[in-house]
């Protein structure tokens, strides 16, 4: 959604990114499938890329494919 959801990255594995979705303000857990855009902030700015093939894993965590090494990832530097 436009406000986004928070995730906790559990690990980066050869098969993809493993993460847990944090509960919303009302305590509910959003279900996510398909493709989402990951936006993360780092010291030098923002990194953004697609998380494809999101699927439910065990222990209520999710796994998604990692973007290819030659992905068209978007970066923005702080001024």
PDB file of N, CA and C in Angstrom:
ATOM      1  N   UNK A   1       0.831  -1.186   0.000  1.00  0.00           N
ATOM      2  CA  UNK A   1       0.000   0.000   0.000  1.00  0.00           C
ATOM      3  C   UNK A   1       0.874   1.247   0.000  1.00  0.00           C
ATOM      4  N   UNK A   2       0.287   2.389  -0.096  1.00  0.00           N
ATOM      5  CA  UNK A   2       1.054   3.637  -0.204  1.00  0.00           C
ATOM      6  C   UNK A   2       1.843   3.959   1.060  1.00  0.00           C
ATOM      7  N   UNK A   3       1.354   3.550   2.205  1.00  0.00           N
ATOM      8  CA  UNK A   3       2.068   3.829   3.449  1.00  0.00           C
ATOM      9  C   UNK A   3       3.160   2.811   3.708  1.00  0.00           C
ATOM     10  N   UNK A   4       3.100   1.686   3.059  1.00  0.00           N
ATOM     11  CA  UNK A   4       4.120   0.672   3.195  1.00  0.00           C
ATOM     12  C   UNK A   4       3.917  -0.215   4.408  1.00  0.00           C
ATOM     13  N   UNK A   5       4.695  -1.261   4.448  1.00  0.00           N
ATOM     14  CA  UNK A   5       4.697  -2.180   5.577  1.00  0.00           C
ATOM     15  C   UNK A   5       6.146  -2.344   6.020  1.00  0.00           C
ATOM     16  N   UNK A   6       6.343  -2.695   7.259  1.00  0.00           N
ATOM     17  CA  UNK A   6       7.693  -2.901   7.788  1.00  0.00           C
ATOM     18  C   UNK A   6       8.022  -4.380   7.761  1.00  0.00           C
ATOM     19  N   UNK A   7       9.273  -4.676   7.435  1.00  0.00           N
ATOM     20  CA  UNK A   7       9.724  -6.062   7.452  1.00  0.00           C
ATOM     21  C   UNK A   7      10.982  -6.166   8.302  1.00  0.00           C
ATOM     22  N   UNK A   8      11.238  -7.374   8.755  1.00  0.00           N
ATOM     23  CA  UNK A   8      12.456  -7.708   9.470  1.00  0.00           C
ATOM     24  C   UNK A   8      13.169  -8.747   8.620  1.00  0.00           C
ATOM     25  N   UNK A   9      14.328  -8.411   8.078  1.00  0.00           N
ATOM     26  CA  UNK A   9      15.067  -9.347   7.232  1.00  0.00           C
ATOM     27  C   UNK A   9      15.688 -10.414   8.118  1.00  0.00           C
ATOM     28  N   UNK A  10      15.351 -11.667   7.832  1.00  0.00           N
ATOM     29  CA  UNK A  10      15.867 -12.798   8.608  1.00  0.00           C
ATOM     30  C   UNK A  10      17.141 -13.359   8.006  1.00  0.00           C
ATOM     31  N   UNK A  11      17.323 -13.165   6.717  1.00  0.00           N
ATOM     32  CA  UNK A  11      18.532 -13.665   6.089  1.00  0.00           C
ATOM     33  C   UNK A  11      18.482 -13.567   4.583  1.00  0.00           C
ATOM     34  N   UNK A  12      19.666 -13.579   3.997  1.00  0.00           N
ATOM     35  CA  UNK A  12      19.801 -13.638   2.548  1.00  0.00           C
ATOM     36  C   UNK A  12      20.389 -15.000   2.249  1.00  0.00           C
ATOM     37  N   UNK A  13      19.643 -15.791   1.502  1.00  0.00           N
ATOM     38  CA  UNK A  13      20.033 -17.161   1.207  1.00  0.00           C
ATOM     39  C   UNK A  13      20.257 -17.301  -0.288  1.00  0.00           C
ATOM     40  N   UNK A  14      20.908 -18.365  -0.720  1.00  0.00           N
ATOM     41  CA  UNK A  14      21.106 -18.551  -2.161  1.00  0.00           C
ATOM     42  C   UNK A  14      19.786 -18.572  -2.942  1.00  0.00           C
ATOM     43  N   UNK A  15      18.721 -18.995  -2.289  1.00  0.00           N
ATOM     44  CA  UNK A  15      17.427 -19.079  -2.968  1.00  0.00           C
ATOM     45  C   UNK A  15      16.611 -17.804  -2.851  1.00  0.00           C
ATOM     46  N   UNK A  16      17.054 -16.845  -2.052  1.00  0.00           N
ATOM     47  CA  UNK A  16      16.304 -15.597  -1.958  1.00  0.00           C
ATOM     48  C   UNK A  16      16.442 -14.899  -0.622  1.00  0.00           C
ATOM     49  N   UNK A  17      15.632 -13.876  -0.466  1.00  0.00           N
ATOM     50  CA  UNK A  17      15.594 -13.076   0.749  1.00  0.00           C
ATOM     51  C   UNK A  17      14.518 -13.639   1.661  1.00  0.00           C
ATOM     52  N   UNK A  18      14.852 -13.884   2.926  1.00  0.00           N
ATOM     53  CA  UNK A  18      13.873 -14.388   3.892  1.00  0.00           C
ATOM     54  C   UNK A  18      13.563 -13.276   4.869  1.00  0.00           C
ATOM     55  N   UNK A  19      12.266 -13.000   5.059  1.00  0.00           N
ATOM     56  CA  UNK A  19      11.875 -11.889   5.917  1.00  0.00           C
ATOM     57  C   UNK A  19      10.555 -12.163   6.604  1.00  0.00           C
ATOM     58  N   UNK A  20      10.306 -11.407   7.652  1.00  0.00           N
ATOM     59  CA  UNK A  20       9.059 -11.478   8.405  1.00  0.00           C
ATOM     60  C   UNK A  20       8.382 -10.122   8.302  1.00  0.00           C
ATOM     61  N   UNK A  21       7.075 -10.121   8.110  1.00  0.00           N
ATOM     62  CA  UNK A  21       6.306  -8.882   8.022  1.00  0.00           C
ATOM     63  C   UNK A  21       5.895  -8.475   9.430  1.00  0.00           C
ATOM     64  N   UNK A  22       6.124  -7.221   9.758  1.00  0.00           N
ATOM     65  CA  UNK A  22       5.776  -6.706  11.080  1.00  0.00           C
ATOM     66  C   UNK A  22       4.279  -6.389  11.124  1.00  0.00           C
ATOM     67  N   UNK A  23       3.645  -6.570  12.281  1.00  0.00           N
ATOM     68  CA  UNK A  23       2.214  -6.275  12.401  1.00  0.00           C
ATOM     69  C   UNK A  23       1.921  -4.799  12.129  1.00  0.00           C
ATOM     70  N   UNK A  24       0.722  -4.536  11.629  1.00  0.00           N
ATOM     71  CA  UNK A  24       0.267  -3.165  11.406  1.00  0.00           C
ATOM     72  C   UNK A  24      -0.095  -2.519  12.739  1.00  0.00           C
ATOM     73  N   UNK A  25      -0.400  -1.240  12.716  1.00  0.00           N
ATOM     74  CA  UNK A  25      -0.736  -0.498  13.937  1.00  0.00           C
ATOM     75  C   UNK A  25      -1.922  -1.110  14.679  1.00  0.00           C
ATOM     76  N   UNK A  26      -2.857  -1.710  13.927  1.00  0.00           N
ATOM     77  CA  UNK A  26      -4.029  -2.317  14.569  1.00  0.00           C
ATOM     78  C   UNK A  26      -3.775  -3.745  15.043  1.00  0.00           C
ATOM     79  N   UNK A  27      -2.526  -4.231  14.898  1.00  0.00           N
ATOM     80  CA  UNK A  27      -2.170  -5.565  15.357  1.00  0.00           C
ATOM     81  C   UNK A  27      -2.345  -6.662  14.328  1.00  0.00           C
ATOM     82  N   UNK A  28      -2.963  -6.356  13.192  1.00  0.00           N
ATOM     83  CA  UNK A  28      -3.163  -7.373  12.159  1.00  0.00           C
ATOM     84  C   UNK A  28      -1.863  -7.585  11.381  1.00  0.00           C
ATOM     85  N   UNK A  29      -1.771  -8.746  10.752  1.00  0.00           N
ATOM     86  CA  UNK A  29      -0.600  -9.088   9.946  1.00  0.00           C
ATOM     87  C   UNK A  29      -1.000  -9.041   8.479  1.00  0.00           C
ATOM     88  N   UNK A  30      -0.385  -8.152   7.695  1.00  0.00           N
ATOM     89  CA  UNK A  30      -0.737  -8.086   6.278  1.00  0.00           C
ATOM     90  C   UNK A  30      -0.236  -9.319   5.541  1.00  0.00           C
ATOM     91  N   UNK A  31      -1.049  -9.835   4.650  1.00  0.00           N
ATOM     92  CA  UNK A  31      -0.640 -10.946   3.795  1.00  0.00           C
ATOM     93  C   UNK A  31      -0.091 -10.354   2.507  1.00  0.00           C
ATOM     94  N   UNK A  32       1.075 -10.779   2.119  1.00  0.00           N
ATOM     95  CA  UNK A  32       1.657 -10.264   0.886  1.00  0.00           C
ATOM     96  C   UNK A  32       2.020 -11.426  -0.015  1.00  0.00           C
ATOM     97  N   UNK A  33       1.740 -11.275  -1.291  1.00  0.00           N
ATOM     98  CA  UNK A  33       2.100 -12.272  -2.294  1.00  0.00           C
ATOM     99  C   UNK A  33       2.454 -11.530  -3.572  1.00  0.00           C
ATOM    100  N   UNK A  34       3.012 -12.241  -4.521  1.00  0.00           N
ATOM    101  CA  UNK A  34       3.301 -11.638  -5.816  1.00  0.00           C
ATOM    102  C   UNK A  34       4.578 -10.835  -5.801  1.00  0.00           C
ATOM    103  N   UNK A  35       4.487  -9.585  -6.230  1.00  0.00           N
ATOM    104  CA  UNK A  35       5.642  -8.697  -6.326  1.00  0.00           C
ATOM    105  C   UNK A  35       5.386  -7.438  -5.520  1.00  0.00           C
ATOM    106  N   UNK A  36       6.365  -7.010  -4.762  1.00  0.00           N
ATOM    107  CA  UNK A  36       6.310  -5.760  -4.001  1.00  0.00           C
ATOM    108  C   UNK A  36       7.608  -5.004  -4.255  1.00  0.00           C
ATOM    109  N   UNK A  37       7.583  -3.722  -4.024  1.00  0.00           N
ATOM    110  CA  UNK A  37       8.783  -2.897  -4.148  1.00  0.00           C
ATOM    111  C   UNK A  37       9.389  -2.727  -2.759  1.00  0.00           C
ATOM    112  N   UNK A  38      10.652  -3.100  -2.620  1.00  0.00           N
ATOM    113  CA  UNK A  38      11.368  -2.910  -1.361  1.00  0.00           C
ATOM    114  C   UNK A  38      12.106  -1.579  -1.437  1.00  0.00           C
ATOM    115  N   UNK A  39      11.859  -0.724  -0.480  1.00  0.00           N
ATOM    116  CA  UNK A  39      12.565   0.553  -0.371  1.00  0.00           C
ATOM    117  C   UNK A  39      13.276   0.537   0.967  1.00  0.00           C
ATOM    118  N   UNK A  40      14.574   0.695   0.934  1.00  0.00           N
ATOM    119  CA  UNK A  40      15.343   0.699   2.170  1.00  0.00           C
ATOM    120  C   UNK A  40      16.252   1.922   2.186  1.00  0.00           C
ATOM    121  N   UNK A  41      16.455   2.434   3.347  1.00  0.00           N
ATOM    122  CA  UNK A  41      17.284   3.632   3.496  1.00  0.00           C
ATOM    123  C   UNK A  41      18.621   3.244   4.104  1.00  0.00           C
ATOM    124  N   UNK A  42      19.681   3.729   3.492  1.00  0.00           N
ATOM    125  CA  UNK A  42      21.043   3.482   3.956  1.00  0.00           C
ATOM    126  C   UNK A  42      21.707   4.834   4.200  1.00  0.00           C
ATOM    127  N   UNK A  43      22.908   4.819   4.737  1.00  0.00           N
ATOM    128  CA  UNK A  43      23.594   6.072   5.081  1.00  0.00           C
ATOM    129  C   UNK A  43      23.658   7.064   3.923  1.00  0.00           C
ATOM    130  N   UNK A  44      23.904   6.567   2.732  1.00  0.00           N
ATOM    131  CA  UNK A  44      24.110   7.469   1.600  1.00  0.00           C
ATOM    132  C   UNK A  44      22.845   7.746   0.793  1.00  0.00           C
ATOM    133  N   UNK A  45      21.701   7.226   1.201  1.00  0.00           N
ATOM    134  CA  UNK A  45      20.471   7.489   0.456  1.00  0.00           C
ATOM    135  C   UNK A  45      19.486   6.348   0.530  1.00  0.00           C
ATOM    136  N   UNK A  46      18.835   6.079  -0.608  1.00  0.00           N
ATOM    137  CA  UNK A  46      17.750   5.102  -0.672  1.00  0.00           C
ATOM    138  C   UNK A  46      18.044   4.090  -1.768  1.00  0.00           C
ATOM    139  N   UNK A  47      17.730   2.819  -1.507  1.00  0.00           N
ATOM    140  CA  UNK A  47      17.836   1.752  -2.496  1.00  0.00           C
ATOM    141  C   UNK A  47      16.446   1.165  -2.669  1.00  0.00           C
ATOM    142  N   UNK A  48      16.059   0.914  -3.912  1.00  0.00           N
ATOM    143  CA  UNK A  48      14.711   0.422  -4.195  1.00  0.00           C
ATOM    144  C   UNK A  48      14.787  -0.639  -5.282  1.00  0.00           C
ATOM    145  N   UNK A  49      14.126  -1.789  -5.067  1.00  0.00           N
ATOM    146  CA  UNK A  49      14.056  -2.824  -6.092  1.00  0.00           C
ATOM    147  C   UNK A  49      12.849  -3.706  -5.849  1.00  0.00           C
ATOM    148  N   UNK A  50      12.493  -4.478  -6.870  1.00  0.00           N
ATOM    149  CA  UNK A  50      11.327  -5.362  -6.786  1.00  0.00           C
ATOM    150  C   UNK A  50      11.675  -6.652  -6.067  1.00  0.00           C
ATOM    151  N   UNK A  51      10.781  -7.089  -5.203  1.00  0.00           N
ATOM    152  CA  UNK A  51      10.851  -8.424  -4.617  1.00  0.00           C
ATOM    153  C   UNK A  51       9.845  -9.257  -5.400  1.00  0.00           C
ATOM    154  N   UNK A  52      10.344 -10.210  -6.152  1.00  0.00           N
ATOM    155  CA  UNK A  52       9.488 -11.026  -7.011  1.00  0.00           C
ATOM    156  C   UNK A  52       9.242 -12.399  -6.416  1.00  0.00           C
ATOM    157  N   UNK A  53       8.127 -12.986  -6.793  1.00  0.00           N
ATOM    158  CA  UNK A  53       7.782 -14.350  -6.404  1.00  0.00           C
ATOM    159  C   UNK A  53       7.767 -14.505  -4.883  1.00  0.00           C
ATOM    160  N   UNK A  54       7.090 -13.591  -4.198  1.00  0.00           N
ATOM    161  CA  UNK A  54       6.979 -13.671  -2.737  1.00  0.00           C
ATOM    162  C   UNK A  54       6.112 -14.866  -2.379  1.00  0.00           C
ATOM    163  N   UNK A  55       6.593 -15.683  -1.460  1.00  0.00           N
ATOM    164  CA  UNK A  55       5.838 -16.873  -1.053  1.00  0.00           C
ATOM    165  C   UNK A  55       5.979 -17.083   0.448  1.00  0.00           C
ATOM    166  N   UNK A  56       4.945 -17.646   1.028  1.00  0.00           N
ATOM    167  CA  UNK A  56       4.928 -17.925   2.458  1.00  0.00           C
ATOM    168  C   UNK A  56       5.847 -19.097   2.747  1.00  0.00           C
ATOM    169  N   UNK A  57       6.700 -18.932   3.739  1.00  0.00           N
ATOM    170  CA  UNK A  57       7.603 -19.999   4.167  1.00  0.00           C
ATOM    171  C   UNK A  57       7.094 -20.532   5.500  1.00  0.00           C
ATOM    172  N   UNK A  58       7.917 -21.260   6.194  1.00  0.00           N
ATOM    173  CA  UNK A  58       7.531 -21.759   7.510  1.00  0.00           C
ATOM    174  C   UNK A  58       7.606 -20.634   8.526  1.00  0.00           C
ATOM    175  N   UNK A  59       7.139 -20.842   9.688  1.00  0.00           N
ATOM    176  CA  UNK A  59       7.159 -19.925  10.832  1.00  0.00           C
ATOM    177  C   UNK A  59       6.654 -18.516  10.497  1.00  0.00           C
ATOM    178  N   UNK A  60       5.678 -18.437   9.609  1.00  0.00           N
ATOM    179  CA  UNK A  60       5.046 -17.172   9.215  1.00  0.00           C
ATOM    180  C   UNK A  60       6.022 -16.158   8.626  1.00  0.00           C
ATOM    181  N   UNK A  61       7.096 -16.646   8.051  1.00  0.00           N
ATOM    182  CA  UNK A  61       8.011 -15.761   7.342  1.00  0.00           C
ATOM    183  C   UNK A  61       7.765 -15.920   5.843  1.00  0.00           C
ATOM    184  N   UNK A  62       8.376 -15.059   5.072  1.00  0.00           N
ATOM    185  CA  UNK A  62       8.236 -15.088   3.619  1.00  0.00           C
ATOM    186  C   UNK A  62       9.602 -15.237   2.980  1.00  0.00           C
ATOM    187  N   UNK A  63       9.605 -15.718   1.748  1.00  0.00           N
ATOM    188  CA  UNK A  63      10.808 -15.791   0.932  1.00  0.00           C
ATOM    189  C   UNK A  63      10.489 -15.152  -0.405  1.00  0.00           C
ATOM    190  N   UNK A  64      11.444 -14.433  -0.957  1.00  0.00           N
ATOM    191  CA  UNK A  64      11.265 -13.859  -2.288  1.00  0.00           C
ATOM    192  C   UNK A  64      12.538 -14.064  -3.083  1.00  0.00           C
ATOM    193  N   UNK A  65      12.396 -14.043  -4.400  1.00  0.00           N
ATOM    194  CA  UNK A  65      13.571 -14.132  -5.255  1.00  0.00           C
ATOM    195  C   UNK A  65      14.391 -12.857  -5.096  1.00  0.00           C
ATOM    196  N   UNK A  66      15.696 -12.995  -5.205  1.00  0.00           N
ATOM    197  CA  UNK A  66      16.567 -11.823  -5.194  1.00  0.00           C
ATOM    198  C   UNK A  66      16.593 -11.223  -6.594  1.00  0.00           C
ATOM    199  N   UNK A  67      16.777  -9.914  -6.705  1.00  0.00           N
ATOM    200  CA  UNK A  67      16.890  -9.334  -8.044  1.00  0.00           C
ATOM    201  C   UNK A  67      18.180  -9.818  -8.698  1.00  0.00           C
ATOM    202  N   UNK A  68      18.196  -9.917 -10.023  1.00  0.00           N
ATOM    203  CA  UNK A  68      19.428 -10.338 -10.692  1.00  0.00           C
ATOM    204  C   UNK A  68      20.549  -9.328 -10.442  1.00  0.00           C
ATOM    205  N   UNK A  69      21.782  -9.789 -10.562  1.00  0.00           N
ATOM    206  CA  UNK A  69      22.924  -8.904 -10.301  1.00  0.00           C
ATOM    207  C   UNK A  69      22.935  -7.701 -11.232  1.00  0.00           C
ATOM    208  N   UNK A  70      22.369  -7.856 -12.415  1.00  0.00           N
ATOM    209  CA  UNK A  70      22.343  -6.749 -13.367  1.00  0.00           C
ATOM    210  C   UNK A  70      20.981  -6.052 -13.366  1.00  0.00           C
ATOM    211  N   UNK A  71      20.304  -6.049 -12.212  1.00  0.00           N
ATOM    212  CA  UNK A  71      18.964  -5.459 -12.137  1.00  0.00           C
ATOM    213  C   UNK A  71      19.008  -3.952 -12.353  1.00  0.00           C
ATOM    214  N   UNK A  72      17.877  -3.427 -12.729  1.00  0.00           N
ATOM    215  CA  UNK A  72      17.742  -1.986 -12.898  1.00  0.00           C
ATOM    216  C   UNK A  72      17.255  -1.403 -11.575  1.00  0.00           C
ATOM    217  N   UNK A  73      18.073  -1.520 -10.541  1.00  0.00           N
ATOM    218  CA  UNK A  73      17.709  -1.041  -9.210  1.00  0.00           C
ATOM    219  C   UNK A  73      17.834   0.472  -9.166  1.00  0.00           C
ATOM    220  N   UNK A  74      16.964   1.075  -8.416  1.00  0.00           N
ATOM    221  CA  UNK A  74      16.949   2.529  -8.306  1.00  0.00           C
ATOM    222  C   UNK A  74      17.678   2.948  -7.036  1.00  0.00           C
ATOM    223  N   UNK A  75      18.544   3.933  -7.157  1.00  0.00           N
ATOM    224  CA  UNK A  75      19.218   4.474  -5.979  1.00  0.00           C
ATOM    225  C   UNK A  75      19.090   5.987  -5.986  1.00  0.00           C
ATOM    226  N   UNK A  76      18.984   6.550  -4.833  1.00  0.00           N
ATOM    227  CA  UNK A  76      18.917   8.000  -4.681  1.00  0.00           C
ATOM    228  C   UNK A  76      19.891   8.392  -3.590  1.00  0.00           C
ATOM    229  N   UNK A  77      20.742   9.336  -3.869  1.00  0.00           N
ATOM    230  CA  UNK A  77      21.699   9.783  -2.862  1.00  0.00           C
ATOM    231  C   UNK A  77      21.151  10.990  -2.128  1.00  0.00           C
ATOM    232  N   UNK A  78      21.470  11.069  -0.842  1.00  0.00           N
ATOM    233  CA  UNK A  78      21.106  12.245  -0.060  1.00  0.00           C
ATOM    234  C   UNK A  78      21.944  13.427  -0.512  1.00  0.00           C
ATOM    235  N   UNK A  79      21.362  14.593  -0.455  1.00  0.00           N
ATOM    236  CA  UNK A  79      22.104  15.815  -0.805  1.00  0.00           C
ATOM    237  C   UNK A  79      22.697  16.438   0.429  1.00  0.00           C
TER     238      UNK A  79
END
